[in-house]
Amino acid sequence: MFYFTTALICLNGHILAYDVDELEHKDSFCSQCGAPTISTCPSCGAPIKGCYVDELKISTRMSPCEPLHCHQCGKPFPWMQAELDEIEALIAMSDDLTSEEKNQLHTLFPNLFTETPHTVSSAITAARLLTKLSPLLKDALKASVGDKIVANALKFLGW
């Protein structure tokens, strides 16, 4: 029989532990940034998956990165929501896009964080819209979320 351990992650997405049950003391705050830590989804209370443990008690990390969405309710975790909020704030600063184009970009970006059937088309459409942004805003978006975007989308964004 297999099971998943519960991870401890701060609200900014720093992983403190892949298995909170192995901790002698569960830190309430992150030692890297000072943000509060969670081990359950704030929306539904489901445990945040840490490691997969098989019947031989061999533990395998789910991912070297923090999960983006809850496996139970599908809502973005706080660190993912913060990324989406940052994208929205940066796009809102643009005087070069119409309100419709800003809304479209805001809708497209979540498809760039994970491989979905819409990742490539979203990346191509986003790339076309991003050409209208000032170099400063393009660089700010790239610096802010470029390391979170999947490789398939990065190819089309030219990042």
N, C-alpha and C. Protein backbone atom coordinates (compact mmCIF):
# COMPACT_ATOMS: atom_id res chain seq x y z
N MET A 1 0.84 -1.18 0.00
CA MET A 1 0.00 0.00 0.00
C MET A 1 0.88 1.24 0.00
N PHE A 2 0.46 2.25 -0.72
CA PHE A 2 1.24 3.48 -0.77
C PHE A 2 0.45 4.61 -0.12
N TYR A 3 1.17 5.68 0.20
CA TYR A 3 0.53 6.87 0.74
C TYR A 3 1.40 8.08 0.42
N PHE A 4 0.86 9.25 0.69
CA PHE A 4 1.59 10.49 0.49
C PHE A 4 1.87 11.12 1.84
N THR A 5 3.06 11.66 2.00
CA THR A 5 3.37 12.42 3.20
C THR A 5 2.79 13.81 3.02
N THR A 6 2.84 14.58 4.07
CA THR A 6 2.34 15.95 4.04
C THR A 6 3.52 16.92 4.09
N ALA A 7 3.53 17.85 3.15
CA ALA A 7 4.61 18.83 3.06
C ALA A 7 4.32 20.05 3.94
N LEU A 8 5.37 20.76 4.30
CA LEU A 8 5.27 22.03 5.01
C LEU A 8 5.89 23.09 4.10
N ILE A 9 5.08 24.06 3.71
CA ILE A 9 5.49 25.08 2.74
C ILE A 9 5.05 26.44 3.25
N CYS A 10 5.87 27.46 3.05
CA CYS A 10 5.48 28.80 3.48
C CYS A 10 4.56 29.42 2.42
N LEU A 11 3.90 30.49 2.79
CA LEU A 11 2.95 31.13 1.89
C LEU A 11 3.60 31.71 0.63
N ASN A 12 4.93 31.84 0.64
CA ASN A 12 5.65 32.30 -0.55
C ASN A 12 6.17 31.14 -1.39
N GLY A 13 5.93 29.90 -0.95
CA GLY A 13 6.29 28.74 -1.75
C GLY A 13 7.61 28.07 -1.41
N HIS A 14 8.27 28.47 -0.35
CA HIS A 14 9.50 27.80 0.06
C HIS A 14 9.15 26.50 0.77
N ILE A 15 9.71 25.39 0.30
CA ILE A 15 9.44 24.09 0.91
C ILE A 15 10.34 23.91 2.12
N LEU A 16 9.72 23.74 3.28
CA LEU A 16 10.49 23.54 4.51
C LEU A 16 10.67 22.07 4.82
N ALA A 17 9.69 21.23 4.44
CA ALA A 17 9.78 19.80 4.69
C ALA A 17 8.84 19.06 3.74
N TYR A 18 9.29 17.88 3.31
CA TYR A 18 8.44 17.03 2.48
C TYR A 18 7.60 16.08 3.32
N ASP A 19 7.92 15.98 4.61
CA ASP A 19 7.16 15.11 5.50
C ASP A 19 7.11 15.74 6.89
N VAL A 20 5.99 16.38 7.21
CA VAL A 20 5.89 17.08 8.50
C VAL A 20 5.94 16.10 9.68
N ASP A 21 5.57 14.84 9.44
CA ASP A 21 5.60 13.86 10.53
C ASP A 21 7.02 13.54 10.98
N GLU A 22 8.01 13.79 10.13
CA GLU A 22 9.40 13.54 10.50
C GLU A 22 10.02 14.71 11.26
N LEU A 23 9.31 15.82 11.34
CA LEU A 23 9.84 17.00 12.01
C LEU A 23 9.66 16.88 13.52
N GLU A 24 10.69 17.27 14.23
CA GLU A 24 10.60 17.32 15.68
C GLU A 24 9.77 18.53 16.09
N HIS A 25 9.96 19.62 15.35
CA HIS A 25 9.23 20.86 15.61
C HIS A 25 8.76 21.43 14.27
N LYS A 26 7.49 21.66 14.13
CA LYS A 26 6.92 22.21 12.91
C LYS A 26 7.01 23.74 12.97
N ASP A 27 7.89 24.31 12.13
CA ASP A 27 8.08 25.76 12.14
C ASP A 27 6.81 26.47 11.71
N SER A 28 6.45 27.51 12.43
CA SER A 28 5.27 28.31 12.09
C SER A 28 5.57 29.35 11.04
N PHE A 29 6.87 29.68 10.90
CA PHE A 29 7.28 30.70 9.94
C PHE A 29 8.50 30.22 9.16
N CYS A 30 8.63 30.72 7.96
CA CYS A 30 9.72 30.34 7.06
C CYS A 30 11.02 31.01 7.49
N SER A 31 12.09 30.23 7.51
CA SER A 31 13.40 30.79 7.88
C SER A 31 14.02 31.58 6.73
N GLN A 32 13.51 31.43 5.50
CA GLN A 32 14.04 32.17 4.36
C GLN A 32 13.39 33.55 4.22
N CYS A 33 12.05 33.62 4.42
CA CYS A 33 11.36 34.88 4.15
C CYS A 33 10.48 35.38 5.29
N GLY A 34 10.27 34.55 6.31
CA GLY A 34 9.46 34.96 7.45
C GLY A 34 7.96 34.77 7.29
N ALA A 35 7.52 34.24 6.16
CA ALA A 35 6.09 34.06 5.92
C ALA A 35 5.56 32.88 6.75
N PRO A 36 4.28 32.92 7.10
CA PRO A 36 3.68 31.77 7.80
C PRO A 36 3.76 30.51 6.94
N THR A 37 3.77 29.36 7.61
CA THR A 37 3.83 28.08 6.91
C THR A 37 2.47 27.38 6.98
N ILE A 38 2.23 26.51 5.97
CA ILE A 38 1.00 25.71 5.94
C ILE A 38 1.35 24.29 5.53
N SER A 39 0.49 23.36 5.95
CA SER A 39 0.64 21.97 5.53
C SER A 39 -0.67 21.44 4.95
N THR A 40 -1.67 22.31 4.95
CA THR A 40 -2.96 21.96 4.36
C THR A 40 -3.43 23.08 3.45
N CYS A 41 -4.29 22.75 2.52
CA CYS A 41 -4.85 23.74 1.60
C CYS A 41 -5.73 24.72 2.38
N PRO A 42 -5.50 26.03 2.22
CA PRO A 42 -6.33 27.01 2.92
C PRO A 42 -7.79 26.99 2.45
N SER A 43 -8.03 26.51 1.24
CA SER A 43 -9.39 26.50 0.71
C SER A 43 -10.22 25.32 1.18
N CYS A 44 -9.63 24.12 1.22
CA CYS A 44 -10.42 22.93 1.54
C CYS A 44 -9.88 22.10 2.71
N GLY A 45 -8.67 22.40 3.16
CA GLY A 45 -8.10 21.68 4.29
C GLY A 45 -7.38 20.39 3.95
N ALA A 46 -7.29 20.04 2.66
CA ALA A 46 -6.59 18.81 2.27
C ALA A 46 -5.10 18.95 2.56
N PRO A 47 -4.43 17.87 2.98
CA PRO A 47 -2.98 17.93 3.21
C PRO A 47 -2.25 18.22 1.90
N ILE A 48 -1.19 19.00 1.98
CA ILE A 48 -0.36 19.29 0.80
C ILE A 48 0.57 18.10 0.59
N LYS A 49 0.50 17.50 -0.59
CA LYS A 49 1.31 16.31 -0.87
C LYS A 49 2.80 16.64 -0.85
N GLY A 50 3.54 15.79 -0.14
CA GLY A 50 4.99 15.95 -0.06
C GLY A 50 5.71 14.86 -0.82
N CYS A 51 5.77 13.67 -0.25
CA CYS A 51 6.44 12.53 -0.87
C CYS A 51 5.45 11.39 -1.07
N TYR A 52 5.76 10.60 -2.08
CA TYR A 52 5.04 9.35 -2.34
C TYR A 52 5.83 8.25 -1.66
N VAL A 53 5.18 7.47 -0.82
CA VAL A 53 5.84 6.38 -0.11
C VAL A 53 5.19 5.07 -0.53
N ASP A 54 5.99 4.14 -1.04
CA ASP A 54 5.43 2.87 -1.52
C ASP A 54 5.40 1.83 -0.42
N GLU A 55 4.95 0.63 -0.78
CA GLU A 55 4.78 -0.44 0.21
C GLU A 55 6.09 -0.87 0.87
N LEU A 56 7.22 -0.59 0.25
CA LEU A 56 8.52 -0.91 0.84
C LEU A 56 9.06 0.23 1.70
N LYS A 57 8.22 1.23 1.87
CA LYS A 57 8.57 2.43 2.65
C LYS A 57 9.67 3.24 1.98
N ILE A 58 9.75 3.14 0.64
CA ILE A 58 10.68 3.96 -0.12
C ILE A 58 9.97 5.25 -0.48
N SER A 59 10.58 6.34 -0.10
CA SER A 59 9.98 7.66 -0.28
C SER A 59 10.52 8.34 -1.53
N THR A 60 9.63 8.91 -2.31
CA THR A 60 10.01 9.63 -3.52
C THR A 60 9.32 10.99 -3.50
N ARG A 61 10.10 12.05 -3.69
CA ARG A 61 9.51 13.39 -3.75
C ARG A 61 8.55 13.48 -4.92
N MET A 62 7.43 14.14 -4.70
CA MET A 62 6.47 14.34 -5.78
C MET A 62 7.09 15.21 -6.86
N SER A 63 7.77 16.25 -6.44
CA SER A 63 8.38 17.19 -7.37
C SER A 63 9.41 17.98 -6.59
N PRO A 64 10.49 18.43 -7.25
CA PRO A 64 11.45 19.28 -6.55
C PRO A 64 10.89 20.68 -6.33
N CYS A 65 9.77 20.99 -6.98
CA CYS A 65 9.14 22.30 -6.88
C CYS A 65 7.89 22.22 -6.02
N GLU A 66 7.46 23.35 -5.56
CA GLU A 66 6.24 23.41 -4.78
C GLU A 66 5.03 23.14 -5.70
N PRO A 67 4.00 22.48 -5.18
CA PRO A 67 2.80 22.27 -6.00
C PRO A 67 2.11 23.61 -6.25
N LEU A 68 1.45 23.74 -7.37
CA LEU A 68 0.80 25.00 -7.73
C LEU A 68 -0.67 25.04 -7.34
N HIS A 69 -1.33 23.89 -7.42
CA HIS A 69 -2.76 23.80 -7.12
C HIS A 69 -3.03 22.63 -6.19
N CYS A 70 -4.10 22.75 -5.43
CA CYS A 70 -4.51 21.69 -4.52
C CYS A 70 -5.03 20.49 -5.31
N HIS A 71 -4.60 19.30 -4.92
CA HIS A 71 -5.05 18.09 -5.59
C HIS A 71 -6.51 17.78 -5.27
N GLN A 72 -7.04 18.35 -4.20
CA GLN A 72 -8.41 18.05 -3.77
C GLN A 72 -9.43 19.02 -4.37
N CYS A 73 -9.18 20.32 -4.29
CA CYS A 73 -10.17 21.31 -4.75
C CYS A 73 -9.76 22.03 -6.03
N GLY A 74 -8.48 21.92 -6.42
CA GLY A 74 -8.02 22.53 -7.66
C GLY A 74 -7.68 24.01 -7.56
N LYS A 75 -7.89 24.61 -6.41
CA LYS A 75 -7.60 26.04 -6.26
C LYS A 75 -6.09 26.27 -6.17
N PRO A 76 -5.64 27.43 -6.64
CA PRO A 76 -4.21 27.72 -6.53
C PRO A 76 -3.80 27.87 -5.06
N PHE A 77 -2.61 27.35 -4.75
CA PHE A 77 -2.06 27.58 -3.42
C PHE A 77 -1.67 29.06 -3.30
N PRO A 78 -1.48 29.57 -2.08
CA PRO A 78 -1.19 31.01 -1.90
C PRO A 78 -0.01 31.52 -2.73
N TRP A 79 1.06 30.72 -2.88
CA TRP A 79 2.22 31.17 -3.65
C TRP A 79 1.89 31.26 -5.13
N MET A 80 1.05 30.40 -5.63
CA MET A 80 0.63 30.47 -7.02
C MET A 80 -0.30 31.66 -7.22
N GLN A 81 -1.22 31.86 -6.30
CA GLN A 81 -2.12 33.01 -6.40
C GLN A 81 -1.33 34.31 -6.35
N ALA A 82 -0.26 34.34 -5.55
CA ALA A 82 0.59 35.54 -5.50
C ALA A 82 1.26 35.79 -6.85
N GLU A 83 1.68 34.72 -7.53
CA GLU A 83 2.27 34.86 -8.87
C GLU A 83 1.24 35.42 -9.85
N LEU A 84 0.02 34.88 -9.79
CA LEU A 84 -1.04 35.36 -10.68
C LEU A 84 -1.40 36.82 -10.39
N ASP A 85 -1.41 37.17 -9.12
CA ASP A 85 -1.68 38.57 -8.73
C ASP A 85 -0.58 39.50 -9.23
N GLU A 86 0.67 39.04 -9.15
CA GLU A 86 1.80 39.84 -9.63
C GLU A 86 1.71 40.05 -11.13
N ILE A 87 1.36 39.00 -11.87
CA ILE A 87 1.18 39.12 -13.32
C ILE A 87 0.10 40.15 -13.62
N GLU A 88 -1.02 40.04 -12.92
CA GLU A 88 -2.12 40.97 -13.14
C GLU A 88 -1.69 42.41 -12.86
N ALA A 89 -0.94 42.62 -11.77
CA ALA A 89 -0.47 43.97 -11.42
C ALA A 89 0.47 44.52 -12.49
N LEU A 90 1.39 43.69 -12.99
CA LEU A 90 2.33 44.15 -14.01
C LEU A 90 1.61 44.47 -15.33
N ILE A 91 0.68 43.61 -15.71
CA ILE A 91 -0.07 43.84 -16.95
C ILE A 91 -0.92 45.11 -16.83
N ALA A 92 -1.48 45.34 -15.65
CA ALA A 92 -2.31 46.52 -15.42
C ALA A 92 -1.52 47.82 -15.59
N MET A 93 -0.21 47.77 -15.42
CA MET A 93 0.64 48.97 -15.56
C MET A 93 0.80 49.40 -17.01
N SER A 94 0.45 48.54 -17.94
CA SER A 94 0.68 48.83 -19.35
C SER A 94 -0.33 49.84 -19.88
N ASP A 95 0.21 50.84 -20.58
CA ASP A 95 -0.63 51.78 -21.30
C ASP A 95 -0.75 51.36 -22.76
N ASP A 96 -0.03 50.30 -23.14
CA ASP A 96 0.05 49.87 -24.53
C ASP A 96 -0.98 48.81 -24.90
N LEU A 97 -1.70 48.28 -23.91
CA LEU A 97 -2.70 47.25 -24.17
C LEU A 97 -4.09 47.78 -23.85
N THR A 98 -5.06 47.31 -24.62
CA THR A 98 -6.45 47.65 -24.32
C THR A 98 -6.89 46.84 -23.10
N SER A 99 -8.02 47.20 -22.54
CA SER A 99 -8.56 46.45 -21.41
C SER A 99 -8.84 45.00 -21.81
N GLU A 100 -9.33 44.81 -23.02
CA GLU A 100 -9.60 43.46 -23.51
C GLU A 100 -8.31 42.65 -23.62
N GLU A 101 -7.24 43.27 -24.13
CA GLU A 101 -5.96 42.57 -24.26
C GLU A 101 -5.37 42.24 -22.89
N LYS A 102 -5.52 43.15 -21.93
CA LYS A 102 -5.05 42.88 -20.56
C LYS A 102 -5.79 41.69 -19.96
N ASN A 103 -7.10 41.66 -20.13
CA ASN A 103 -7.90 40.54 -19.63
C ASN A 103 -7.50 39.24 -20.31
N GLN A 104 -7.23 39.32 -21.61
CA GLN A 104 -6.84 38.12 -22.35
C GLN A 104 -5.51 37.58 -21.83
N LEU A 105 -4.54 38.46 -21.62
CA LEU A 105 -3.24 38.02 -21.08
C LEU A 105 -3.40 37.40 -19.70
N HIS A 106 -4.23 38.04 -18.88
CA HIS A 106 -4.46 37.52 -17.53
C HIS A 106 -5.06 36.11 -17.59
N THR A 107 -5.90 35.86 -18.55
CA THR A 107 -6.53 34.54 -18.73
C THR A 107 -5.54 33.52 -19.28
N LEU A 108 -4.60 33.96 -20.11
CA LEU A 108 -3.65 33.05 -20.75
C LEU A 108 -2.55 32.55 -19.83
N PHE A 109 -2.08 33.39 -18.93
CA PHE A 109 -0.89 33.05 -18.14
C PHE A 109 -1.02 31.77 -17.32
N PRO A 110 -2.17 31.47 -16.69
CA PRO A 110 -2.24 30.19 -15.95
C PRO A 110 -1.94 28.97 -16.81
N ASN A 111 -2.21 29.03 -18.11
CA ASN A 111 -1.93 27.90 -19.01
C ASN A 111 -0.43 27.75 -19.29
N LEU A 112 0.36 28.72 -18.89
CA LEU A 112 1.80 28.67 -19.17
C LEU A 112 2.60 28.05 -18.00
N PHE A 113 1.94 27.84 -16.88
CA PHE A 113 2.62 27.29 -15.70
C PHE A 113 2.62 25.77 -15.66
N THR A 114 1.73 25.14 -16.40
CA THR A 114 1.67 23.67 -16.45
C THR A 114 1.37 23.24 -17.88
N GLU A 115 1.77 22.03 -18.20
CA GLU A 115 1.48 21.50 -19.53
C GLU A 115 0.00 21.14 -19.61
N THR A 116 -0.70 21.81 -20.50
CA THR A 116 -2.11 21.51 -20.76
C THR A 116 -2.30 21.47 -22.27
N PRO A 117 -3.46 21.03 -22.74
CA PRO A 117 -3.71 21.07 -24.19
C PRO A 117 -3.68 22.49 -24.75
N HIS A 118 -3.76 23.49 -23.86
CA HIS A 118 -3.81 24.89 -24.31
C HIS A 118 -2.50 25.65 -24.11
N THR A 119 -1.46 24.97 -23.65
CA THR A 119 -0.20 25.65 -23.35
C THR A 119 0.41 26.33 -24.57
N VAL A 120 0.51 25.62 -25.68
CA VAL A 120 1.16 26.18 -26.87
C VAL A 120 0.35 27.32 -27.45
N SER A 121 -0.95 27.13 -27.63
CA SER A 121 -1.76 28.22 -28.21
C SER A 121 -1.79 29.43 -27.28
N SER A 122 -1.81 29.18 -25.97
CA SER A 122 -1.77 30.30 -25.02
C SER A 122 -0.44 31.04 -25.10
N ALA A 123 0.65 30.28 -25.25
CA ALA A 123 1.98 30.91 -25.34
C ALA A 123 2.10 31.74 -26.61
N ILE A 124 1.59 31.25 -27.71
CA ILE A 124 1.67 32.00 -28.98
C ILE A 124 0.84 33.28 -28.89
N THR A 125 -0.37 33.16 -28.36
CA THR A 125 -1.22 34.35 -28.22
C THR A 125 -0.60 35.34 -27.25
N ALA A 126 -0.06 34.83 -26.13
CA ALA A 126 0.59 35.72 -25.16
C ALA A 126 1.80 36.40 -25.78
N ALA A 127 2.58 35.67 -26.57
CA ALA A 127 3.76 36.25 -27.21
C ALA A 127 3.37 37.40 -28.13
N ARG A 128 2.29 37.23 -28.87
CA ARG A 128 1.81 38.30 -29.75
C ARG A 128 1.41 39.54 -28.95
N LEU A 129 0.72 39.32 -27.84
CA LEU A 129 0.29 40.45 -27.02
C LEU A 129 1.47 41.10 -26.29
N LEU A 130 2.42 40.30 -25.87
CA LEU A 130 3.57 40.84 -25.14
C LEU A 130 4.45 41.73 -26.00
N THR A 131 4.38 41.56 -27.33
CA THR A 131 5.16 42.44 -28.21
C THR A 131 4.72 43.89 -28.07
N LYS A 132 3.51 44.12 -27.58
CA LYS A 132 3.00 45.48 -27.42
C LYS A 132 3.46 46.14 -26.12
N LEU A 133 3.99 45.34 -25.20
CA LEU A 133 4.42 45.88 -23.92
C LEU A 133 5.76 46.61 -24.04
N SER A 134 5.98 47.53 -23.14
CA SER A 134 7.27 48.21 -23.08
C SER A 134 8.34 47.20 -22.68
N PRO A 135 9.59 47.43 -23.08
CA PRO A 135 10.67 46.52 -22.68
C PRO A 135 10.76 46.37 -21.15
N LEU A 136 10.50 47.44 -20.43
CA LEU A 136 10.56 47.39 -18.97
C LEU A 136 9.54 46.40 -18.41
N LEU A 137 8.30 46.47 -18.87
CA LEU A 137 7.28 45.55 -18.38
C LEU A 137 7.52 44.12 -18.83
N LYS A 138 8.01 43.95 -20.06
CA LYS A 138 8.35 42.59 -20.53
C LYS A 138 9.43 41.98 -19.64
N ASP A 139 10.46 42.76 -19.35
CA ASP A 139 11.55 42.28 -18.50
C ASP A 139 11.05 41.99 -17.08
N ALA A 140 10.15 42.83 -16.59
CA ALA A 140 9.60 42.61 -15.24
C ALA A 140 8.79 41.32 -15.18
N LEU A 141 7.99 41.05 -16.20
CA LEU A 141 7.23 39.80 -16.25
C LEU A 141 8.17 38.60 -16.31
N LYS A 142 9.17 38.71 -17.17
CA LYS A 142 10.13 37.61 -17.32
C LYS A 142 10.86 37.35 -16.00
N ALA A 143 11.29 38.42 -15.33
CA ALA A 143 12.00 38.27 -14.05
C ALA A 143 11.08 37.71 -12.97
N SER A 144 9.83 38.10 -13.01
CA SER A 144 8.88 37.71 -11.98
C SER A 144 8.46 36.24 -12.10
N VAL A 145 8.12 35.80 -13.30
CA VAL A 145 7.53 34.46 -13.46
C VAL A 145 8.21 33.58 -14.50
N GLY A 146 9.25 34.07 -15.14
CA GLY A 146 9.91 33.31 -16.19
C GLY A 146 10.40 31.94 -15.76
N ASP A 147 10.85 31.84 -14.51
CA ASP A 147 11.35 30.55 -14.03
C ASP A 147 10.24 29.57 -13.66
N LYS A 148 9.00 30.02 -13.65
CA LYS A 148 7.87 29.16 -13.32
C LYS A 148 7.16 28.62 -14.57
N ILE A 149 7.43 29.23 -15.71
CA ILE A 149 6.75 28.86 -16.95
C ILE A 149 7.38 27.60 -17.54
N VAL A 150 6.53 26.69 -18.03
CA VAL A 150 7.03 25.42 -18.57
C VAL A 150 7.83 25.65 -19.84
N ALA A 151 8.78 24.76 -20.10
CA ALA A 151 9.71 24.90 -21.21
C ALA A 151 9.00 25.01 -22.56
N ASN A 152 7.93 24.25 -22.73
CA ASN A 152 7.20 24.28 -24.00
C ASN A 152 6.66 25.68 -24.29
N ALA A 153 6.19 26.38 -23.27
CA ALA A 153 5.67 27.73 -23.44
C ALA A 153 6.82 28.73 -23.63
N LEU A 154 7.92 28.53 -22.92
CA LEU A 154 9.06 29.44 -23.03
C LEU A 154 9.58 29.53 -24.46
N LYS A 155 9.56 28.42 -25.18
CA LYS A 155 10.02 28.41 -26.58
C LYS A 155 9.25 29.44 -27.40
N PHE A 156 7.95 29.47 -27.20
CA PHE A 156 7.11 30.35 -28.01
C PHE A 156 7.12 31.79 -27.51
N LEU A 157 7.41 31.97 -26.23
CA LEU A 157 7.50 33.33 -25.68
C LEU A 157 8.83 33.99 -26.06
N GLY A 158 9.79 33.18 -26.46
CA GLY A 158 11.11 33.73 -26.77
C GLY A 158 11.90 34.12 -25.54
N TRP A 159 11.59 33.53 -24.41
CA TRP A 159 12.29 33.82 -23.16
C TRP A 159 13.34 32.78 -22.94
